[in-house]
N, C-alpha and C. Protein backbone atom coordinates (compact mmCIF):
# COMPACT_ATOMS: atom_id res chain seq x y z
N MET A 1 0.83 -1.20 0.00
CA MET A 1 -0.01 0.00 0.00
C MET A 1 0.86 1.24 0.00
N SER A 2 2.18 1.08 -0.04
CA SER A 2 3.04 2.26 -0.05
C SER A 2 3.43 2.67 -1.46
N ASP A 3 2.99 1.93 -2.46
CA ASP A 3 3.28 2.27 -3.85
C ASP A 3 2.50 3.52 -4.23
N PRO A 4 3.12 4.37 -5.05
CA PRO A 4 2.39 5.56 -5.52
C PRO A 4 1.16 5.19 -6.29
N VAL A 5 0.13 6.01 -6.14
CA VAL A 5 -1.10 5.84 -6.88
C VAL A 5 -1.23 7.06 -7.79
N ASN A 6 -1.28 6.82 -9.07
CA ASN A 6 -1.35 7.92 -10.05
C ASN A 6 -0.22 8.93 -9.83
N GLY A 7 0.95 8.42 -9.45
CA GLY A 7 2.10 9.29 -9.27
C GLY A 7 2.17 9.95 -7.91
N PHE A 8 1.19 9.71 -7.04
CA PHE A 8 1.19 10.33 -5.69
C PHE A 8 1.31 9.22 -4.66
N PRO A 9 1.90 9.55 -3.50
CA PRO A 9 1.90 8.55 -2.42
C PRO A 9 0.48 8.35 -1.94
N PRO A 10 0.15 7.19 -1.39
CA PRO A 10 -1.20 6.94 -0.91
C PRO A 10 -1.55 7.91 0.24
N LEU A 11 -2.82 8.25 0.30
CA LEU A 11 -3.30 9.09 1.40
C LEU A 11 -3.13 8.36 2.74
N VAL A 12 -2.86 9.11 3.77
CA VAL A 12 -2.67 8.51 5.07
C VAL A 12 -3.92 7.74 5.49
N THR A 13 -5.08 8.18 5.08
CA THR A 13 -6.31 7.46 5.42
C THR A 13 -6.30 6.04 4.85
N ALA A 14 -5.75 5.90 3.65
CA ALA A 14 -5.67 4.56 3.02
C ALA A 14 -4.67 3.69 3.80
N LEU A 15 -3.57 4.26 4.23
CA LEU A 15 -2.57 3.52 5.00
C LEU A 15 -3.14 3.07 6.33
N LEU A 16 -3.83 3.99 7.01
CA LEU A 16 -4.42 3.66 8.29
C LEU A 16 -5.52 2.59 8.14
N GLU A 17 -6.31 2.73 7.10
CA GLU A 17 -7.38 1.73 6.87
C GLU A 17 -6.80 0.34 6.63
N THR A 18 -5.71 0.27 5.88
CA THR A 18 -5.07 -1.01 5.62
C THR A 18 -4.58 -1.63 6.94
N ALA A 19 -3.99 -0.82 7.80
CA ALA A 19 -3.55 -1.32 9.11
C ALA A 19 -4.76 -1.72 9.96
N MET A 20 -5.79 -0.92 9.93
CA MET A 20 -6.99 -1.21 10.73
C MET A 20 -7.71 -2.48 10.25
N SER A 21 -7.57 -2.81 8.97
CA SER A 21 -8.23 -4.04 8.50
C SER A 21 -7.67 -5.26 9.21
N ARG A 22 -6.37 -5.24 9.56
CA ARG A 22 -5.78 -6.34 10.31
C ARG A 22 -6.38 -6.41 11.71
N VAL A 23 -6.52 -5.25 12.35
CA VAL A 23 -7.13 -5.20 13.67
C VAL A 23 -8.57 -5.71 13.60
N ARG A 24 -9.31 -5.22 12.63
CA ARG A 24 -10.71 -5.62 12.47
C ARG A 24 -10.81 -7.15 12.24
N ASP A 25 -9.97 -7.67 11.37
CA ASP A 25 -10.00 -9.12 11.08
C ASP A 25 -9.73 -9.93 12.35
N ASP A 26 -8.75 -9.50 13.11
CA ASP A 26 -8.41 -10.23 14.35
C ASP A 26 -9.55 -10.16 15.37
N LEU A 27 -10.14 -8.98 15.54
CA LEU A 27 -11.25 -8.87 16.48
C LEU A 27 -12.48 -9.62 15.99
N TYR A 28 -12.72 -9.64 14.72
CA TYR A 28 -13.88 -10.39 14.24
C TYR A 28 -13.65 -11.88 14.37
N ALA A 29 -12.39 -12.34 14.25
CA ALA A 29 -12.08 -13.74 14.53
C ALA A 29 -12.35 -14.05 16.01
N LEU A 30 -12.01 -13.12 16.89
CA LEU A 30 -12.30 -13.27 18.30
C LEU A 30 -13.80 -13.37 18.54
N SER A 31 -14.57 -12.50 17.83
CA SER A 31 -16.02 -12.57 17.94
C SER A 31 -16.56 -13.93 17.55
N GLU A 32 -16.09 -14.44 16.42
CA GLU A 32 -16.56 -15.73 15.96
C GLU A 32 -16.23 -16.85 16.93
N ALA A 33 -15.05 -16.77 17.53
CA ALA A 33 -14.60 -17.82 18.42
C ALA A 33 -15.24 -17.75 19.81
N ARG A 34 -15.41 -16.54 20.36
CA ARG A 34 -15.81 -16.44 21.74
C ARG A 34 -16.94 -15.47 22.06
N PHE A 35 -17.11 -14.44 21.22
CA PHE A 35 -18.09 -13.40 21.57
C PHE A 35 -18.96 -13.09 20.37
N PRO A 36 -19.87 -13.98 20.04
CA PRO A 36 -20.68 -13.84 18.82
C PRO A 36 -21.42 -12.50 18.76
N GLY A 37 -21.36 -11.89 17.58
CA GLY A 37 -22.11 -10.67 17.34
C GLY A 37 -21.38 -9.39 17.66
N LEU A 38 -20.25 -9.45 18.38
CA LEU A 38 -19.54 -8.21 18.71
C LEU A 38 -18.84 -7.66 17.46
N ARG A 39 -18.98 -6.37 17.28
CA ARG A 39 -18.37 -5.66 16.14
C ARG A 39 -17.39 -4.65 16.71
N MET A 40 -16.70 -3.94 15.81
CA MET A 40 -15.68 -2.97 16.24
C MET A 40 -16.27 -1.94 17.21
N ARG A 41 -17.46 -1.45 16.90
CA ARG A 41 -18.05 -0.41 17.76
C ARG A 41 -18.26 -0.94 19.19
N HIS A 42 -18.59 -2.24 19.32
CA HIS A 42 -18.82 -2.81 20.63
C HIS A 42 -17.51 -2.93 21.40
N TYR A 43 -16.44 -3.41 20.73
CA TYR A 43 -15.16 -3.50 21.39
C TYR A 43 -14.70 -2.11 21.86
N ARG A 44 -14.92 -1.12 21.02
CA ARG A 44 -14.52 0.25 21.37
C ARG A 44 -15.29 0.74 22.58
N LEU A 45 -16.61 0.54 22.60
CA LEU A 45 -17.41 1.00 23.73
C LEU A 45 -17.02 0.29 25.02
N LEU A 46 -16.77 -0.99 24.95
CA LEU A 46 -16.39 -1.73 26.14
C LEU A 46 -15.06 -1.22 26.66
N SER A 47 -14.16 -0.86 25.77
CA SER A 47 -12.82 -0.38 26.18
C SER A 47 -12.91 1.00 26.85
N LEU A 48 -13.96 1.75 26.62
CA LEU A 48 -14.11 3.08 27.20
C LEU A 48 -14.58 3.05 28.66
N LEU A 49 -15.03 1.88 29.12
CA LEU A 49 -15.66 1.82 30.46
C LEU A 49 -14.62 1.60 31.55
N PRO A 50 -14.54 2.53 32.49
CA PRO A 50 -13.64 2.34 33.63
C PRO A 50 -14.24 1.32 34.60
N PRO A 51 -13.43 0.78 35.51
CA PRO A 51 -13.94 -0.25 36.44
C PRO A 51 -15.18 0.15 37.24
N GLU A 52 -15.28 1.43 37.57
CA GLU A 52 -16.44 1.88 38.38
C GLU A 52 -17.66 2.18 37.55
N GLY A 53 -17.53 2.09 36.22
CA GLY A 53 -18.64 2.39 35.34
C GLY A 53 -18.56 3.84 34.88
N GLU A 54 -19.46 4.16 33.95
CA GLU A 54 -19.46 5.52 33.37
C GLU A 54 -20.90 5.94 33.14
N ARG A 55 -21.16 7.21 33.39
CA ARG A 55 -22.49 7.73 33.10
C ARG A 55 -22.76 7.71 31.60
N LEU A 56 -24.02 7.49 31.27
CA LEU A 56 -24.40 7.50 29.84
C LEU A 56 -24.05 8.85 29.22
N SER A 57 -24.28 9.94 29.93
CA SER A 57 -23.99 11.26 29.38
C SER A 57 -22.52 11.42 29.06
N ARG A 58 -21.65 10.86 29.90
CA ARG A 58 -20.20 10.95 29.67
C ARG A 58 -19.81 10.05 28.50
N MET A 59 -20.44 8.89 28.41
CA MET A 59 -20.12 8.00 27.29
C MET A 59 -20.46 8.61 25.94
N THR A 60 -21.50 9.41 25.88
CA THR A 60 -21.81 10.08 24.60
C THR A 60 -20.66 10.99 24.19
N VAL A 61 -20.10 11.70 25.16
CA VAL A 61 -18.97 12.59 24.90
C VAL A 61 -17.75 11.78 24.48
N ASP A 62 -17.41 10.77 25.29
CA ASP A 62 -16.21 9.96 25.04
C ASP A 62 -16.28 9.20 23.70
N SER A 63 -17.46 8.72 23.36
CA SER A 63 -17.61 7.90 22.17
C SER A 63 -17.88 8.73 20.91
N GLY A 64 -18.35 9.96 21.11
CA GLY A 64 -18.72 10.79 19.95
C GLY A 64 -20.06 10.40 19.35
N LEU A 65 -20.80 9.57 20.05
CA LEU A 65 -22.11 9.12 19.57
C LEU A 65 -23.21 9.98 20.15
N THR A 66 -24.32 10.05 19.43
CA THR A 66 -25.51 10.68 20.00
C THR A 66 -26.09 9.75 21.06
N LYS A 67 -27.00 10.26 21.87
CA LYS A 67 -27.65 9.44 22.87
C LYS A 67 -28.38 8.26 22.22
N GLN A 68 -29.03 8.54 21.07
CA GLN A 68 -29.77 7.49 20.40
C GLN A 68 -28.84 6.40 19.83
N ALA A 69 -27.74 6.83 19.21
CA ALA A 69 -26.77 5.87 18.64
C ALA A 69 -26.12 5.07 19.75
N LEU A 70 -25.80 5.70 20.86
CA LEU A 70 -25.20 5.00 22.00
C LEU A 70 -26.18 3.95 22.54
N ALA A 71 -27.43 4.35 22.68
CA ALA A 71 -28.45 3.39 23.17
C ALA A 71 -28.56 2.17 22.23
N GLN A 72 -28.51 2.41 20.93
CA GLN A 72 -28.55 1.31 19.96
C GLN A 72 -27.34 0.41 20.07
N ALA A 73 -26.16 1.02 20.26
CA ALA A 73 -24.93 0.21 20.36
C ALA A 73 -24.85 -0.54 21.69
N LEU A 74 -25.41 0.04 22.76
CA LEU A 74 -25.38 -0.63 24.06
C LEU A 74 -26.42 -1.74 24.19
N ALA A 75 -27.50 -1.67 23.45
CA ALA A 75 -28.58 -2.67 23.59
C ALA A 75 -28.07 -4.09 23.44
N PRO A 76 -27.31 -4.43 22.37
CA PRO A 76 -26.84 -5.82 22.27
C PRO A 76 -25.79 -6.16 23.34
N LEU A 77 -25.07 -5.17 23.82
CA LEU A 77 -24.08 -5.43 24.87
C LEU A 77 -24.79 -5.77 26.18
N GLU A 78 -25.87 -5.07 26.45
CA GLU A 78 -26.64 -5.34 27.64
C GLU A 78 -27.35 -6.67 27.51
N ALA A 79 -27.96 -6.93 26.36
CA ALA A 79 -28.66 -8.20 26.12
C ALA A 79 -27.71 -9.40 26.18
N GLY A 80 -26.48 -9.19 25.73
CA GLY A 80 -25.48 -10.27 25.74
C GLY A 80 -24.79 -10.46 27.08
N GLY A 81 -25.13 -9.61 28.07
CA GLY A 81 -24.53 -9.75 29.38
C GLY A 81 -23.13 -9.18 29.51
N TYR A 82 -22.77 -8.27 28.62
CA TYR A 82 -21.43 -7.65 28.65
C TYR A 82 -21.41 -6.40 29.54
N VAL A 83 -22.54 -5.71 29.61
CA VAL A 83 -22.67 -4.50 30.45
C VAL A 83 -24.00 -4.56 31.17
N GLU A 84 -24.08 -3.73 32.22
CA GLU A 84 -25.35 -3.52 32.88
C GLU A 84 -25.52 -2.01 33.00
N VAL A 85 -26.77 -1.59 32.85
CA VAL A 85 -27.09 -0.16 33.00
C VAL A 85 -27.91 -0.05 34.28
N VAL A 86 -27.36 0.73 35.22
CA VAL A 86 -27.97 0.82 36.55
C VAL A 86 -28.06 2.28 36.98
N PRO A 87 -28.92 2.57 37.97
CA PRO A 87 -28.95 3.95 38.48
C PRO A 87 -27.61 4.32 39.11
N ASP A 88 -27.19 5.54 38.93
CA ASP A 88 -25.95 6.05 39.53
C ASP A 88 -26.20 6.26 41.01
N PRO A 89 -25.45 5.60 41.89
CA PRO A 89 -25.68 5.78 43.31
C PRO A 89 -25.50 7.21 43.78
N GLY A 90 -24.69 8.01 43.07
CA GLY A 90 -24.46 9.39 43.44
C GLY A 90 -25.57 10.34 42.98
N ASP A 91 -26.35 9.90 42.00
CA ASP A 91 -27.44 10.71 41.45
C ASP A 91 -28.43 9.76 40.79
N ARG A 92 -29.46 9.41 41.51
CA ARG A 92 -30.41 8.39 41.05
C ARG A 92 -31.10 8.75 39.73
N ARG A 93 -31.01 10.01 39.32
CA ARG A 93 -31.61 10.37 38.01
C ARG A 93 -30.71 9.94 36.86
N ALA A 94 -29.41 9.83 37.15
CA ALA A 94 -28.44 9.45 36.11
C ALA A 94 -28.31 7.95 36.05
N ARG A 95 -27.84 7.45 34.91
CA ARG A 95 -27.63 6.00 34.70
C ARG A 95 -26.15 5.74 34.48
N LEU A 96 -25.68 4.62 35.04
CA LEU A 96 -24.31 4.19 34.87
C LEU A 96 -24.26 2.95 34.00
N VAL A 97 -23.26 2.88 33.14
CA VAL A 97 -23.00 1.66 32.37
C VAL A 97 -21.78 1.02 33.02
N ARG A 98 -21.92 -0.24 33.42
CA ARG A 98 -20.82 -0.95 34.05
C ARG A 98 -20.55 -2.26 33.34
N LEU A 99 -19.27 -2.60 33.29
CA LEU A 99 -18.90 -3.91 32.74
C LEU A 99 -19.33 -5.02 33.67
N THR A 100 -19.76 -6.11 33.10
CA THR A 100 -20.01 -7.33 33.87
C THR A 100 -18.73 -8.16 33.79
N ASP A 101 -18.72 -9.28 34.46
CA ASP A 101 -17.56 -10.17 34.35
C ASP A 101 -17.32 -10.57 32.89
N ARG A 102 -18.40 -10.79 32.16
CA ARG A 102 -18.28 -11.13 30.75
C ARG A 102 -17.69 -9.97 29.93
N GLY A 103 -18.06 -8.76 30.25
CA GLY A 103 -17.50 -7.59 29.60
C GLY A 103 -16.01 -7.44 29.87
N ARG A 104 -15.61 -7.71 31.13
CA ARG A 104 -14.19 -7.65 31.45
C ARG A 104 -13.43 -8.76 30.73
N GLU A 105 -14.05 -9.92 30.57
CA GLU A 105 -13.45 -11.00 29.79
C GLU A 105 -13.19 -10.57 28.35
N VAL A 106 -14.17 -9.87 27.76
CA VAL A 106 -14.00 -9.37 26.40
C VAL A 106 -12.83 -8.40 26.32
N ASN A 107 -12.77 -7.44 27.25
CA ASN A 107 -11.68 -6.47 27.24
C ASN A 107 -10.33 -7.16 27.38
N ASP A 108 -10.23 -8.13 28.27
CA ASP A 108 -8.97 -8.84 28.44
C ASP A 108 -8.57 -9.60 27.15
N ALA A 109 -9.53 -10.26 26.56
CA ALA A 109 -9.27 -11.05 25.36
C ALA A 109 -8.89 -10.08 24.19
N ALA A 110 -9.59 -8.98 24.08
CA ALA A 110 -9.27 -8.01 23.01
C ALA A 110 -7.87 -7.40 23.20
N ARG A 111 -7.53 -7.07 24.45
CA ARG A 111 -6.19 -6.55 24.73
C ARG A 111 -5.13 -7.57 24.35
N ASP A 112 -5.35 -8.85 24.70
CA ASP A 112 -4.39 -9.90 24.34
C ASP A 112 -4.25 -10.01 22.83
N ARG A 113 -5.38 -9.99 22.13
CA ARG A 113 -5.37 -10.14 20.68
C ARG A 113 -4.64 -8.94 20.04
N LEU A 114 -4.93 -7.74 20.52
CA LEU A 114 -4.31 -6.54 19.94
C LEU A 114 -2.83 -6.44 20.32
N ALA A 115 -2.45 -6.94 21.48
CA ALA A 115 -1.03 -6.97 21.84
C ALA A 115 -0.28 -7.87 20.87
N ALA A 116 -0.91 -8.97 20.47
CA ALA A 116 -0.26 -9.86 19.49
C ALA A 116 -0.09 -9.19 18.15
N VAL A 117 -1.11 -8.42 17.73
CA VAL A 117 -1.00 -7.66 16.48
C VAL A 117 0.16 -6.66 16.57
N GLU A 118 0.19 -5.92 17.68
CA GLU A 118 1.26 -4.92 17.83
C GLU A 118 2.62 -5.58 17.87
N GLN A 119 2.72 -6.72 18.52
CA GLN A 119 4.01 -7.41 18.57
C GLN A 119 4.43 -7.85 17.16
N ASP A 120 3.49 -8.31 16.36
CA ASP A 120 3.78 -8.68 14.97
C ASP A 120 4.25 -7.46 14.18
N TRP A 121 3.56 -6.34 14.34
CA TRP A 121 3.96 -5.10 13.64
C TRP A 121 5.37 -4.68 14.05
N ALA A 122 5.65 -4.76 15.37
CA ALA A 122 6.98 -4.36 15.85
C ALA A 122 8.06 -5.28 15.28
N GLN A 123 7.74 -6.55 15.16
CA GLN A 123 8.74 -7.47 14.55
C GLN A 123 8.92 -7.17 13.07
N ARG A 124 7.86 -6.80 12.39
CA ARG A 124 7.95 -6.52 10.95
C ARG A 124 8.76 -5.28 10.63
N VAL A 125 8.62 -4.22 11.41
CA VAL A 125 9.28 -2.96 11.10
C VAL A 125 10.43 -2.63 12.06
N GLY A 126 10.60 -3.43 13.09
CA GLY A 126 11.61 -3.19 14.10
C GLY A 126 10.98 -2.49 15.29
N PRO A 127 11.37 -2.88 16.51
CA PRO A 127 10.76 -2.34 17.72
C PRO A 127 10.91 -0.84 17.86
N GLU A 128 12.06 -0.29 17.48
CA GLU A 128 12.29 1.14 17.61
C GLU A 128 11.36 1.92 16.67
N ARG A 129 11.29 1.50 15.40
CA ARG A 129 10.42 2.21 14.46
C ARG A 129 8.96 2.07 14.89
N TYR A 130 8.57 0.91 15.36
CA TYR A 130 7.19 0.75 15.79
C TYR A 130 6.88 1.65 17.00
N ALA A 131 7.81 1.72 17.94
CA ALA A 131 7.62 2.55 19.11
C ALA A 131 7.44 4.02 18.70
N VAL A 132 8.22 4.47 17.74
CA VAL A 132 8.11 5.85 17.27
C VAL A 132 6.76 6.05 16.60
N ALA A 133 6.37 5.12 15.74
CA ALA A 133 5.08 5.25 15.03
C ALA A 133 3.92 5.27 16.03
N ARG A 134 3.97 4.39 17.01
CA ARG A 134 2.93 4.32 18.00
C ARG A 134 2.88 5.62 18.83
N GLY A 135 4.06 6.12 19.16
CA GLY A 135 4.15 7.37 19.92
C GLY A 135 3.57 8.55 19.14
N VAL A 136 3.83 8.61 17.84
CA VAL A 136 3.31 9.67 17.01
C VAL A 136 1.76 9.60 16.98
N LEU A 137 1.23 8.40 16.77
CA LEU A 137 -0.23 8.25 16.77
C LEU A 137 -0.82 8.63 18.13
N ALA A 138 -0.17 8.26 19.21
CA ALA A 138 -0.67 8.63 20.55
C ALA A 138 -0.66 10.15 20.71
N ASP A 139 0.42 10.80 20.25
CA ASP A 139 0.48 12.28 20.34
C ASP A 139 -0.65 12.91 19.52
N LEU A 140 -0.86 12.40 18.31
CA LEU A 140 -1.91 12.97 17.46
C LEU A 140 -3.30 12.76 18.09
N ALA A 141 -3.50 11.64 18.70
CA ALA A 141 -4.79 11.34 19.31
C ALA A 141 -5.02 12.18 20.56
N SER A 142 -3.97 12.54 21.25
CA SER A 142 -4.15 13.31 22.51
C SER A 142 -4.13 14.81 22.31
N ARG A 143 -3.80 15.25 21.12
CA ARG A 143 -3.71 16.68 20.85
C ARG A 143 -4.62 17.03 19.68
N PRO A 144 -5.90 17.24 19.98
CA PRO A 144 -6.81 17.58 18.86
C PRO A 144 -6.39 18.87 18.18
N GLY A 145 -6.53 18.87 16.87
CA GLY A 145 -6.18 20.04 16.09
C GLY A 145 -7.15 21.19 16.28
N ALA A 146 -6.85 22.28 15.63
CA ALA A 146 -7.68 23.48 15.74
C ALA A 146 -8.74 23.50 14.67
N GLY A 147 -9.48 22.43 14.55
CA GLY A 147 -10.54 22.38 13.58
C GLY A 147 -10.22 21.49 12.41
N GLY A 148 -10.93 21.65 11.31
CA GLY A 148 -10.77 20.82 10.15
C GLY A 148 -9.43 20.98 9.48
N CYS A 149 -9.00 19.92 8.84
CA CYS A 149 -7.72 19.94 8.15
C CYS A 149 -7.98 19.61 6.68
N PRO A 150 -7.56 20.49 5.78
CA PRO A 150 -7.82 20.20 4.38
C PRO A 150 -6.94 19.02 3.93
N VAL A 151 -7.42 18.28 2.98
CA VAL A 151 -6.68 17.14 2.42
C VAL A 151 -5.66 17.68 1.46
N THR A 152 -4.39 17.45 1.76
CA THR A 152 -3.35 17.86 0.84
C THR A 152 -2.39 16.69 0.67
N VAL A 153 -1.88 16.55 -0.50
CA VAL A 153 -0.91 15.50 -0.80
C VAL A 153 0.28 16.15 -1.49
N GLU A 154 1.43 15.99 -0.86
CA GLU A 154 2.65 16.53 -1.49
C GLU A 154 3.37 15.38 -2.18
N GLY A 155 3.90 15.67 -3.36
CA GLY A 155 4.59 14.63 -4.11
C GLY A 155 6.02 14.52 -3.74
């Protein structure tokens, strides 16, 4: 995927999508083997939940989903026994989403699977290069830009 396309290097979105397809394939294999029906959005939502649980209102912010979309994504997780939605003991009007033992099992299994993917990537490109690439992505993720970024490709 690093070959030029029409004389230009591939867009970073194409490179990231190619890498993400490996992650998606591995997580979907995990779903087939142990957690039927879980999709990428479910793994992501489960990974956002701290041990003490999270308010629904905070999850909408953290996930970037609307309340309606979050409710739709949480419904199969609750039905599958991965999370429970309970009144917040600090404010009975608010609702908390908490991982169940099964939800923690999913997070542990996903972390193990993704650690294997990262280990493979580090072996393929070298541990130092992989550490730098991972660090750059972490920096970009933790430092939101000042708004939209136009798509530019330099040759």
